[in-house]
């Protein structure tokens, strides 16, 4: 044995390296058949697969320019990061964007900007920006709700996001005065840190399902009674990432905690079908909404990505006929979001937000129903200029998802569906979550919201208005094609936004701070 040890110790180190590569080459040629490149080019082939695996990161940091990445380019991500950290988010030496590109947004500034008088709410707090409408006011719900912020957290569930990410978001919206949509994973303890909550559920009815997986009104009633911070309820019909497609939550991802929150069995796959079992047509959906609103006293709305309009027209006609209807409609963009989906769905099913929303708003405007509904936009609208465009088109609030994730550390690694999120935001790995400093991240989310509202207010004043609800379609222009580089939104989408009743920011301040509606 000593002789063997001495012999091995005298072998040069580089021979061990050669031996290692010889073993790899023998394995590649004779014992593996999965990878043609590795078989035909042993050892060297592995370099190709390794470079392919880190390709997205290499392009993100070293190859792509500031404006060409999707879904969010480097300038957009940088603005969110800087805003969340309260750092300098300005650009120097003019824009590096091609302002002649398709769908570039132009905001028509007024010759004389809106003047903020001494004592005006914006003279005291430049981030004060509540919703101009009250959700549930028209339908006379028992507990109407005016969002204290026009920017809020979109539907992202505990399970898709980590516990620390959800906790950071909820504590952040409490600081910022916004609301936090639970997503369809049910209400978790991490949603319960003081922020207003919109409870969202889909076809799986997680958190409000009976033992057979059907909707339980008793559980819904108890959930609302036990959690007074729930301010509204949202029924998901579809989402931008995969409208019309169900989902499967793999059993291996269902921990004891998640099982308890969602009301499912530990370790068993859970199916979310494409269709609701609580209703099967538009009249039944309308009655379902009214029943929930009556039992809970809360405003009830629906969320959907937009495609065909025939059933939406049926809904509008029923609302006219019955006087009933959803208190709000959240329109999601077909660009996709935090939900993982097959490329065939994410790339092609449902309309992009600007087309989907404009089609839907025109339909409800033609029926004179827009004043009865609070419209919420969701789909890469978490930037002041895009928000101004959305308000000009008719939204009353916007919800953000991926932008909020970036404000608490998401780096757009685009591996949310693998449970290996390096930032700890979209993973259930305890180790990866440990990198999230909840007090710090909640402050950053709140700061992103404050910076967003401040810049949106400044853009609004530059256009001569006091509140974004006053934006009109003529205030915004958009590049359409090479022949006519820009058109007003009213010419682009062929409608005019309806007037939003608005008496002034001081009245909104009195309502929000003095508890009025």
Protein backbone atom coordinates (compact mmCIF):
# COMPACT_ATOMS: atom_id res chain seq x y z
CA UNK A 1 0.00 0.00 0.00
CA UNK A 2 2.84 2.38 0.88
CA UNK A 3 4.45 1.66 -2.47
CA UNK A 4 1.18 2.48 -4.25
CA UNK A 5 0.78 5.72 -2.33
CA UNK A 6 4.35 6.76 -3.06
CA UNK A 7 3.92 5.92 -6.72
CA UNK A 8 0.73 7.99 -7.00
CA UNK A 9 2.28 10.89 -5.17
CA UNK A 10 5.13 10.99 -7.66
CA UNK A 11 2.82 11.24 -10.68
CA UNK A 12 2.80 14.81 -12.08
CA UNK A 13 -0.46 16.74 -11.45
CA UNK A 14 -1.00 17.33 -15.16
CA UNK A 15 -1.31 13.58 -15.76
CA UNK A 16 -4.34 13.54 -13.46
CA UNK A 17 -5.93 16.22 -15.60
CA UNK A 18 -5.22 14.25 -18.76
CA UNK A 19 -6.65 11.11 -17.16
CA UNK A 20 -9.79 12.99 -16.16
CA UNK A 21 -10.35 14.20 -19.73
CA UNK A 22 -9.67 10.71 -21.13
CA UNK A 23 -12.38 9.28 -18.85
CA UNK A 24 -14.83 11.99 -19.96
CA UNK A 25 -14.01 11.29 -23.63
CA UNK A 26 -14.56 7.54 -23.21
CA UNK A 27 -17.89 8.23 -21.51
CA UNK A 28 -18.98 10.66 -24.25
CA UNK A 29 -18.13 8.28 -27.10
CA UNK A 30 -19.12 4.88 -25.75
CA UNK A 31 -21.59 5.29 -22.87
CA UNK A 32 -23.91 8.21 -23.60
CA UNK A 33 -26.33 8.61 -26.51
CA UNK A 34 -28.41 11.62 -25.44
CA UNK A 35 -26.20 14.35 -26.88
CA UNK A 36 -24.96 14.09 -30.46
CA UNK A 37 -22.52 17.00 -30.11
CA UNK A 38 -20.82 15.44 -27.08
CA UNK A 39 -20.57 12.07 -28.87
CA UNK A 40 -19.13 13.53 -32.05
CA UNK A 41 -16.93 16.09 -30.28
CA UNK A 42 -16.05 14.62 -26.89
CA UNK A 43 -14.95 17.04 -24.18
CA UNK A 44 -15.20 20.11 -26.47
CA UNK A 45 -18.94 19.50 -26.89
CA UNK A 46 -19.48 20.18 -23.19
CA UNK A 47 -18.20 23.71 -23.71
CA UNK A 48 -20.94 24.33 -26.23
CA UNK A 49 -23.69 23.25 -23.80
CA UNK A 50 -22.15 25.32 -20.99
CA UNK A 51 -21.98 28.44 -23.16
CA UNK A 52 -25.60 27.87 -24.23
CA UNK A 53 -26.68 27.62 -20.58
CA UNK A 54 -25.17 31.00 -19.69
CA UNK A 55 -26.12 32.63 -23.01
CA UNK A 56 -29.02 34.71 -21.60
CA UNK A 57 -26.81 36.14 -18.88
CA UNK A 58 -24.00 36.90 -21.34
CA UNK A 59 -26.38 38.70 -23.68
CA UNK A 60 -28.04 40.58 -20.82
CA UNK A 61 -24.83 41.98 -19.39
CA UNK A 62 -22.41 42.18 -22.31
CA UNK A 63 -24.20 41.97 -25.69
CA UNK A 64 -27.67 43.55 -25.66
CA UNK A 65 -27.88 47.32 -25.86
CA UNK A 66 -29.83 49.47 -23.41
CA UNK A 67 -33.13 49.35 -25.30
CA UNK A 68 -33.47 45.99 -27.04
CA UNK A 69 -34.13 43.43 -24.30
CA UNK A 70 -37.53 41.94 -23.55
CA UNK A 71 -39.68 41.86 -21.55
CA UNK A 72 -37.92 44.77 -19.80
CA UNK A 73 -34.85 46.43 -21.23
CA UNK A 74 -31.83 47.67 -19.28
CA UNK A 75 -33.05 51.27 -19.12
CA UNK A 76 -36.43 50.20 -17.74
CA UNK A 77 -34.87 47.90 -15.16
CA UNK A 78 -32.33 50.55 -14.22
CA UNK A 79 -35.07 53.12 -13.68
CA UNK A 80 -36.95 50.77 -11.34
CA UNK A 81 -33.82 49.83 -9.39
CA UNK A 82 -32.72 53.45 -8.99
CA UNK A 83 -36.23 54.60 -8.06
CA UNK A 84 -36.57 51.85 -5.45
CA UNK A 85 -33.21 52.76 -3.92
CA UNK A 86 -33.93 56.52 -4.05
CA UNK A 87 -30.92 56.99 -6.28
CA UNK A 88 -30.47 59.28 -9.28
CA UNK A 89 -32.73 57.88 -12.02
CA UNK A 90 -32.10 60.68 -14.53
CA UNK A 91 -30.55 60.33 -18.00
CA UNK A 92 -27.89 62.65 -19.34
CA UNK A 93 -27.22 64.03 -22.83
CA UNK A 94 -30.74 63.35 -24.11
CA UNK A 95 -32.61 60.15 -24.81
CA UNK A 96 -30.88 57.22 -26.49
CA UNK A 97 -34.25 55.84 -27.58
CA UNK A 98 -35.44 55.87 -31.19
CA UNK A 99 -38.34 58.28 -30.80
CA UNK A 100 -39.58 57.38 -34.27
CA UNK A 101 -40.12 53.72 -33.42
CA UNK A 102 -43.54 52.08 -33.65
CA UNK A 103 -45.84 52.86 -30.69
CA UNK A 104 -43.49 55.39 -29.13
CA UNK A 105 -45.53 57.58 -26.75
CA UNK A 106 -45.58 61.38 -26.85
CA UNK A 107 -47.29 63.39 -24.09
CA UNK A 108 -48.55 66.76 -25.28
CA UNK A 109 -47.40 69.27 -22.70
CA UNK A 110 -49.35 72.45 -22.02
CA UNK A 111 -47.87 75.87 -22.67
CA UNK A 112 -48.65 76.71 -19.05
CA UNK A 113 -48.30 73.69 -16.71
CA UNK A 114 -50.78 73.17 -13.90
CA UNK A 115 -49.79 75.48 -11.03
CA UNK A 116 -49.69 73.98 -7.56
CA UNK A 117 -50.94 76.55 -5.09
CA UNK A 118 -49.63 76.87 -1.56
CA UNK A 119 -51.40 74.38 0.71
CA UNK A 120 -52.43 72.16 -2.22
CA UNK A 121 -52.05 68.42 -1.44
CA UNK A 122 -49.18 68.24 -3.93
CA UNK A 123 -47.49 71.19 -2.25
CA UNK A 124 -47.46 69.09 0.93
CA UNK A 125 -46.91 65.59 -0.54
CA UNK A 126 -45.88 65.16 -4.18
CA UNK A 127 -46.63 61.41 -3.95
CA UNK A 128 -50.28 61.81 -2.93
CA UNK A 129 -52.28 60.22 -5.74
CA UNK A 130 -55.46 58.31 -4.81
CA UNK A 131 -57.92 56.81 -7.27
CA UNK A 132 -60.50 59.34 -8.46
CA UNK A 133 -63.29 56.72 -8.39
CA UNK A 134 -64.71 54.66 -5.55
CA UNK A 135 -64.96 50.91 -6.20
CA UNK A 136 -68.47 49.69 -5.45
CA UNK A 137 -70.08 53.13 -5.18
CA UNK A 138 -72.46 52.72 -8.14
CA UNK A 139 -73.73 49.32 -7.01
CA UNK A 140 -74.08 50.62 -3.44
CA UNK A 141 -71.96 47.91 -1.85
CA UNK A 142 -71.96 47.91 1.95
CA UNK A 143 -68.19 48.55 2.07
CA UNK A 144 -67.13 50.62 -0.96
CA UNK A 145 -63.41 51.15 -1.37
CA UNK A 146 -61.34 54.01 -2.75
CA UNK A 147 -57.73 52.90 -3.38
CA UNK A 148 -55.41 55.42 -1.76
CA UNK A 149 -52.90 54.87 -4.58
CA UNK A 150 -53.33 54.65 -8.34
CA UNK A 151 -50.48 52.12 -8.52
CA UNK A 152 -50.90 48.81 -6.72
CA UNK A 153 -49.64 45.21 -6.62
CA UNK A 154 -51.09 42.86 -9.24
CA UNK A 155 -52.07 39.23 -8.66
CA UNK A 156 -49.02 37.18 -7.58
CA UNK A 157 -49.63 34.28 -5.23
CA UNK A 158 -47.70 32.78 -2.37
CA UNK A 159 -46.34 29.66 -3.99
CA UNK A 160 -45.29 31.36 -7.19
CA UNK A 161 -43.48 33.96 -5.07
CA UNK A 162 -41.58 33.22 -1.89
CA UNK A 163 -42.80 33.92 1.61
CA UNK A 164 -40.24 36.70 2.10
CA UNK A 165 -41.13 38.28 -1.23
CA UNK A 166 -44.85 38.35 -0.36
CA UNK A 167 -44.10 39.75 3.09
CA UNK A 168 -41.87 42.47 1.58
CA UNK A 169 -44.59 43.46 -0.89
CA UNK A 170 -47.29 43.63 1.78
CA UNK A 171 -45.22 45.68 4.18
CA UNK A 172 -44.22 47.90 1.27
CA UNK A 173 -47.79 48.65 0.19
CA UNK A 174 -48.65 49.55 3.78
CA UNK A 175 -45.90 52.20 3.70
CA UNK A 176 -46.96 53.40 0.23
CA UNK A 177 -50.73 53.38 0.95
CA UNK A 178 -51.44 50.92 -1.88
CA UNK A 179 -53.25 47.58 -2.03
CA UNK A 180 -51.87 44.08 -2.49
CA UNK A 181 -53.64 41.55 -4.73
CA UNK A 182 -53.19 38.03 -3.31
CA UNK A 183 -53.10 36.13 -6.60
CA UNK A 184 -55.00 32.86 -6.80
CA UNK A 185 -52.93 30.98 -4.19
CA UNK A 186 -55.12 32.05 -1.27
CA UNK A 187 -54.59 34.44 1.63
CA UNK A 188 -51.35 33.62 3.44
CA UNK A 189 -49.91 34.95 6.72
CA UNK A 190 -47.44 36.86 4.57
CA UNK A 191 -50.29 38.97 3.15
CA UNK A 192 -51.25 40.03 6.67
CA UNK A 193 -48.75 42.73 7.62
CA UNK A 194 -50.96 45.80 7.43
CA UNK A 195 -51.43 46.48 3.73
CA UNK A 196 -54.87 46.63 2.12
CA UNK A 197 -55.62 43.37 0.31
CA UNK A 198 -57.69 42.46 -2.74
CA UNK A 199 -58.53 38.76 -2.46
CA UNK A 200 -58.22 37.07 -5.84
CA UNK A 201 -59.32 33.57 -6.80
CA UNK A 202 -59.46 31.55 -9.98
CA UNK A 203 -60.86 28.21 -11.06
CA UNK A 204 -59.01 26.34 -8.30
CA UNK A 205 -60.79 28.40 -5.58
CA UNK A 206 -57.72 28.12 -3.37
CA UNK A 207 -58.48 29.29 0.15
CA UNK A 208 -62.25 29.25 -0.43
CA UNK A 209 -62.78 25.72 -1.76
CA UNK A 210 -64.70 22.82 -0.25
CA UNK A 211 -63.41 19.27 0.05
CA UNK A 212 -64.45 18.56 -3.55
CA UNK A 213 -62.59 21.56 -4.96
CA UNK A 214 -65.71 23.67 -5.56
CA UNK A 215 -66.31 27.24 -4.41
CA UNK A 216 -67.49 27.57 -0.80
CA UNK A 217 -69.48 30.70 0.06
CA UNK A 218 -69.22 29.84 3.75
CA UNK A 219 -65.42 29.90 3.58
CA UNK A 220 -65.49 33.16 1.63
CA UNK A 221 -67.73 34.78 4.23
CA UNK A 222 -65.53 33.61 7.09
CA UNK A 223 -62.35 34.70 5.32
CA UNK A 224 -63.67 38.25 4.92
CA UNK A 225 -65.01 38.40 8.48
CA UNK A 226 -61.71 37.20 9.95
CA UNK A 227 -59.57 39.54 7.83
CA UNK A 228 -61.01 43.07 7.73
CA UNK A 229 -58.03 44.30 5.69
CA UNK A 230 -59.57 42.55 2.65
CA UNK A 231 -61.11 45.48 0.78
CA UNK A 232 -62.35 43.89 -2.45
CA UNK A 233 -62.68 40.53 -4.21
CA UNK A 234 -61.44 39.72 -7.71
CA UNK A 235 -62.66 36.75 -9.77
CA UNK A 236 -60.08 35.65 -12.34
CA UNK A 237 -61.57 34.64 -15.67
CA UNK A 238 -58.19 34.52 -17.43
CA UNK A 239 -54.69 35.95 -17.22
CA UNK A 240 -52.37 37.44 -19.79
CA UNK A 241 -49.78 34.66 -19.65
CA UNK A 242 -52.15 31.84 -20.61
CA UNK A 243 -55.81 32.80 -21.09
CA UNK A 244 -58.12 29.83 -21.53
CA UNK A 245 -55.57 27.35 -20.17
CA UNK A 246 -55.72 25.63 -16.82
CA UNK A 247 -52.72 24.91 -14.66
CA UNK A 248 -51.18 22.16 -12.58
CA UNK A 249 -49.48 22.73 -9.24
CA UNK A 250 -47.06 19.79 -8.92
CA UNK A 251 -47.38 17.80 -5.73
CA UNK A 252 -43.65 18.17 -4.97
CA UNK A 253 -44.13 21.94 -4.62
CA UNK A 254 -47.03 21.64 -2.18
CA UNK A 255 -45.59 22.02 1.30
CA UNK A 256 -47.61 21.61 4.46
CA UNK A 257 -47.94 25.38 4.72
CA UNK A 258 -49.07 25.85 1.11
CA UNK A 259 -51.51 22.93 1.43
CA UNK A 260 -53.10 24.53 4.48
CA UNK A 261 -53.45 27.93 2.82
CA UNK A 262 -54.82 26.59 -0.46
CA UNK A 263 -57.02 23.90 1.07
CA UNK A 264 -55.41 21.02 -0.86
CA UNK A 265 -53.68 17.74 -0.01
CA UNK A 266 -49.95 17.62 0.66
CA UNK A 267 -47.89 16.03 -2.09
CA UNK A 268 -50.73 15.62 -4.61
CA UNK A 269 -50.91 17.40 -7.98
CA UNK A 270 -53.66 20.03 -8.02
CA UNK A 271 -55.48 20.90 -11.23
CA UNK A 272 -56.81 24.38 -11.98
CA UNK A 273 -59.17 23.79 -14.93
CA UNK A 274 -59.73 26.36 -17.70
CA UNK A 275 -63.38 26.88 -16.65
CA UNK A 276 -65.10 27.83 -13.42
CA UNK A 277 -67.36 25.26 -11.77
CA UNK A 278 -69.33 27.98 -9.92
CA UNK A 279 -70.80 29.33 -13.17
CA UNK A 280 -70.88 28.31 -16.82
CA UNK A 281 -72.25 31.35 -18.66
CA UNK A 282 -72.47 35.12 -18.38
CA UNK A 283 -75.85 35.36 -16.56
CA UNK A 284 -74.65 32.82 -13.98
CA UNK A 285 -71.41 34.76 -13.53
CA UNK A 286 -73.36 37.96 -12.93
CA UNK A 287 -75.46 36.29 -10.24
CA UNK A 288 -72.31 34.78 -8.71
CA UNK A 289 -70.74 38.24 -8.44
CA UNK A 290 -73.87 39.68 -6.85
CA UNK A 291 -74.13 36.83 -4.35
CA UNK A 292 -70.54 37.30 -3.19
CA UNK A 293 -71.04 41.06 -2.89
CA UNK A 294 -74.24 40.56 -0.87
CA UNK A 295 -72.70 38.00 1.50
CA UNK A 296 -69.41 39.84 2.08
CA UNK A 297 -70.48 43.45 1.60
CA UNK A 298 -67.35 44.04 -0.48
CA UNK A 299 -66.94 45.28 -4.06
CA UNK A 300 -66.44 42.39 -6.49
CA UNK A 301 -64.70 42.59 -9.84
CA UNK A 302 -63.34 40.40 -12.61
CA UNK A 303 -59.94 40.04 -14.21
CA UNK A 304 -59.36 38.88 -17.77
CA UNK A 305 -57.18 39.06 -20.82
CA UNK A 306 -59.20 40.24 -23.83
CA UNK A 307 -59.85 38.41 -27.07
CA UNK A 308 -63.33 37.84 -28.48
CA UNK A 309 -65.93 40.43 -27.44
CA UNK A 310 -69.24 38.61 -27.91
CA UNK A 311 -69.57 37.50 -24.27
CA UNK A 312 -68.35 40.87 -23.05
CA UNK A 313 -71.17 42.45 -25.04
CA UNK A 314 -73.59 39.99 -23.46
CA UNK A 315 -72.29 41.08 -20.04
CA UNK A 316 -72.74 44.76 -20.91
CA UNK A 317 -76.31 44.17 -22.12
CA UNK A 318 -77.15 42.27 -18.92
CA UNK A 319 -75.72 45.09 -16.82
CA UNK A 320 -77.98 47.55 -18.63
CA UNK A 321 -80.99 45.28 -18.23
CA UNK A 322 -80.51 44.29 -14.57
CA UNK A 323 -78.62 47.22 -13.06
CA UNK A 324 -76.15 44.69 -11.66
CA UNK A 325 -72.56 43.97 -12.58
CA UNK A 326 -68.93 43.86 -11.52
CA UNK A 327 -67.65 46.87 -9.61
CA UNK A 328 -64.32 46.79 -11.40
CA UNK A 329 -62.70 45.13 -14.40
CA UNK A 330 -58.97 44.42 -14.39
CA UNK A 331 -57.71 44.08 -17.96
CA UNK A 332 -54.56 42.01 -18.35
CA UNK A 333 -52.29 42.20 -21.37
CA UNK A 334 -51.55 39.23 -23.60
CA UNK A 335 -47.84 40.04 -23.23
CA UNK A 336 -47.82 37.62 -20.32
CA UNK A 337 -46.69 38.19 -16.79
CA UNK A 338 -45.38 36.32 -13.79
CA UNK A 339 -47.27 33.14 -14.64
CA UNK A 340 -45.27 30.54 -16.58
CA UNK A 341 -46.86 29.46 -19.85
CA UNK A 342 -46.08 27.61 -23.09
CA UNK A 343 -44.70 29.98 -25.76
CA UNK A 344 -47.69 29.20 -27.97
CA UNK A 345 -49.93 30.84 -25.32
CA UNK A 346 -47.61 33.59 -24.10
CA UNK A 347 -46.77 34.66 -27.66
CA UNK A 348 -50.09 34.34 -29.44
CA UNK A 349 -53.24 33.94 -27.28
CA UNK A 350 -55.18 37.13 -26.36
CA UNK A 351 -54.48 40.71 -27.35
CA UNK A 352 -51.72 43.00 -26.12
CA UNK A 353 -52.94 45.39 -23.45
CA UNK A 354 -53.40 48.47 -25.64
CA UNK A 355 -55.57 46.58 -28.13
CA UNK A 356 -57.49 44.54 -25.59
CA UNK A 357 -58.27 47.47 -23.32
CA UNK A 358 -59.24 49.81 -26.13
CA UNK A 359 -61.63 47.22 -27.59
CA UNK A 360 -63.25 46.59 -24.22
CA UNK A 361 -63.51 50.24 -23.22
CA UNK A 362 -65.09 51.15 -26.56
CA UNK A 363 -67.68 48.42 -26.04
CA UNK A 364 -68.65 49.61 -22.54
CA UNK A 365 -68.56 53.25 -23.66
CA UNK A 366 -71.01 52.46 -26.46
CA UNK A 367 -73.41 51.14 -23.79
CA UNK A 368 -72.79 54.18 -21.52
CA UNK A 369 -71.46 51.92 -18.76
CA UNK A 370 -67.98 53.30 -18.14
CA UNK A 371 -69.02 55.48 -15.19
CA UNK A 372 -70.30 52.41 -13.34
CA UNK A 373 -66.99 50.57 -13.51
CA UNK A 374 -63.50 51.17 -12.13
CA UNK A 375 -61.09 50.06 -14.87
CA UNK A 376 -57.73 48.63 -13.80
CA UNK A 377 -54.89 48.14 -16.27
CA UNK A 378 -52.22 45.47 -15.92
CA UNK A 379 -49.48 44.76 -18.44
CA UNK A 380 -46.08 46.51 -18.31
CA UNK A 381 -47.67 49.80 -17.24
CA UNK A 382 -45.36 50.42 -14.27
CA UNK A 383 -43.66 53.46 -15.83
CA UNK A 384 -45.00 57.03 -15.61
CA UNK A 385 -45.30 57.68 -19.36
CA UNK A 386 -47.05 54.36 -20.00
CA UNK A 387 -49.34 55.05 -17.05
CA UNK A 388 -50.23 58.46 -18.49
CA UNK A 389 -51.17 56.74 -21.75
CA UNK A 390 -53.27 54.19 -19.85
CA UNK A 391 -55.14 56.92 -17.94
CA UNK A 392 -55.78 58.75 -21.20
CA UNK A 393 -57.31 55.54 -22.57
CA UNK A 394 -59.65 55.16 -19.60
CA UNK A 395 -58.02 53.30 -16.71
CA UNK A 396 -58.60 54.46 -13.14
CA UNK A 397 -55.79 52.44 -11.50
CA UNK A 398 -52.91 50.29 -12.65
CA UNK A 399 -51.56 47.07 -11.17
CA UNK A 400 -47.91 46.08 -11.48
CA UNK A 401 -46.36 42.65 -11.03
CA UNK A 402 -42.92 42.21 -12.58
CA UNK A 403 -42.01 45.85 -11.91
CA UNK A 404 -42.81 45.30 -8.22
CA UNK A 405 -40.69 42.14 -8.25
CA UNK A 406 -37.75 44.09 -9.65
CA UNK A 407 -38.11 46.75 -6.96
CA UNK A 408 -37.45 44.05 -4.32
CA UNK A 409 -34.53 42.46 -6.14
CA UNK A 410 -35.69 40.46 -9.21
CA UNK A 411 -32.95 40.50 -11.90
CA UNK A 412 -35.09 39.20 -14.80
CA UNK A 413 -33.34 35.84 -14.86
CA UNK A 414 -36.53 34.42 -16.46
CA UNK A 415 -36.36 31.12 -14.56
CA UNK A 416 -39.38 31.78 -12.29
CA UNK A 417 -40.89 28.42 -13.27
CA UNK A 418 -37.82 26.39 -12.21
CA UNK A 419 -37.85 27.19 -8.45
CA UNK A 420 -34.23 28.40 -8.85
CA UNK A 421 -34.76 32.18 -8.78
CA UNK A 422 -31.32 33.55 -7.86
CA UNK A 423 -32.85 36.61 -6.15
CA UNK A 424 -35.07 34.51 -3.85
CA UNK A 425 -38.21 36.23 -5.17
CA UNK A 426 -39.85 33.41 -7.19
CA UNK A 427 -38.73 30.30 -5.34
CA UNK A 428 -39.65 28.20 -2.33
CA UNK A 429 -35.98 27.45 -1.57
CA UNK A 430 -35.30 28.56 2.00
CA UNK A 431 -31.63 29.13 1.19
CA UNK A 432 -32.34 31.43 -1.76
CA UNK A 433 -35.01 33.31 0.21
CA UNK A 434 -32.52 34.08 2.95
CA UNK A 435 -30.97 36.71 0.69
CA UNK A 436 -34.11 38.86 1.01
CA UNK A 437 -33.89 41.50 3.74
CA UNK A 438 -37.60 42.11 4.34
CA UNK A 439 -37.41 45.55 6.04
CA UNK A 440 -35.05 46.83 3.33
CA UNK A 441 -37.03 45.36 0.42
CA UNK A 442 -40.37 46.64 1.73
CA UNK A 443 -38.89 50.15 1.90
CA UNK A 444 -37.66 49.78 -1.69
CA UNK A 445 -41.08 48.70 -2.95
CA UNK A 446 -42.62 51.69 -1.19
CA UNK A 447 -39.97 54.02 -2.60
CA UNK A 448 -40.56 52.73 -6.14
CA UNK A 449 -44.27 53.46 -5.72
CA UNK A 450 -43.56 56.92 -4.31
CA UNK A 451 -41.14 57.79 -7.12
CA UNK A 452 -43.61 56.47 -9.70
CA UNK A 453 -46.44 58.59 -8.32
CA UNK A 454 -44.24 61.67 -8.01
CA UNK A 455 -43.13 61.46 -11.65
CA UNK A 456 -46.67 60.68 -12.85
CA UNK A 457 -47.90 63.76 -10.97
CA UNK A 458 -45.17 65.85 -12.61
CA UNK A 459 -46.10 64.57 -16.08
CA UNK A 460 -49.77 65.27 -15.31
CA UNK A 461 -48.99 68.84 -14.27
CA UNK A 462 -46.82 69.32 -17.37
CA UNK A 463 -49.87 68.41 -19.48
CA UNK A 464 -51.93 71.02 -17.64
CA UNK A 465 -53.93 68.66 -15.43
CA UNK A 466 -54.25 68.15 -11.68
CA UNK A 467 -54.96 64.40 -11.63
CA UNK A 468 -54.18 61.67 -14.22
CA UNK A 469 -57.92 60.91 -14.50
CA UNK A 470 -58.16 64.20 -16.42
CA UNK A 471 -55.94 62.98 -19.25
CA UNK A 472 -57.81 62.79 -22.55
CA UNK A 473 -57.05 60.79 -25.66
CA UNK A 474 -55.88 64.00 -27.33
CA UNK A 475 -53.20 64.53 -24.68
CA UNK A 476 -51.20 61.55 -25.91
CA UNK A 477 -49.84 60.79 -29.37
CA UNK A 478 -48.36 57.55 -30.62
CA UNK A 479 -46.22 56.59 -33.59
CA UNK A 480 -48.34 54.47 -35.91
CA UNK A 481 -46.42 53.99 -39.17
CA UNK A 482 -43.92 55.63 -41.48
CA UNK A 483 -46.51 57.58 -43.46
CA UNK A 484 -48.11 59.28 -40.47
CA UNK A 485 -45.60 59.01 -37.68
CA UNK A 486 -47.89 59.97 -34.85
CA UNK A 487 -51.62 60.07 -34.19
CA UNK A 488 -53.61 61.07 -31.16
CA UNK A 489 -54.85 58.09 -29.18
CA UNK A 490 -58.41 58.99 -30.19
CA UNK A 491 -57.47 58.52 -33.85
CA UNK A 492 -55.37 55.44 -33.17
CA UNK A 493 -57.98 53.50 -31.21
CA UNK A 494 -61.10 55.29 -32.54
CA UNK A 495 -62.85 56.40 -29.37
CA UNK A 496 -62.81 59.20 -26.80
CA UNK A 497 -62.45 58.41 -23.12
CA UNK A 498 -65.49 59.36 -21.01
CA UNK A 499 -65.30 62.19 -18.48
CA UNK A 500 -64.28 61.13 -14.96
CA UNK A 501 -66.00 63.18 -12.23
CA UNK A 502 -63.22 64.98 -10.37
CA UNK A 503 -63.63 68.00 -8.13
CA UNK A 504 -60.03 68.41 -7.05
CA UNK A 505 -57.14 66.84 -5.16
CA UNK A 506 -58.20 68.61 -1.95
CA UNK A 507 -61.53 66.78 -1.99
CA UNK A 508 -59.72 63.49 -2.55
CA UNK A 509 -57.40 64.29 0.34
CA UNK A 510 -60.40 64.97 2.59
CA UNK A 511 -61.97 61.66 1.53
CA UNK A 512 -58.82 59.58 2.02
CA UNK A 513 -57.54 61.16 5.24
CA UNK A 514 -60.91 61.80 6.89
CA UNK A 515 -62.34 58.38 6.05
CA UNK A 516 -64.92 59.52 3.52
CA UNK A 517 -65.70 57.77 0.22
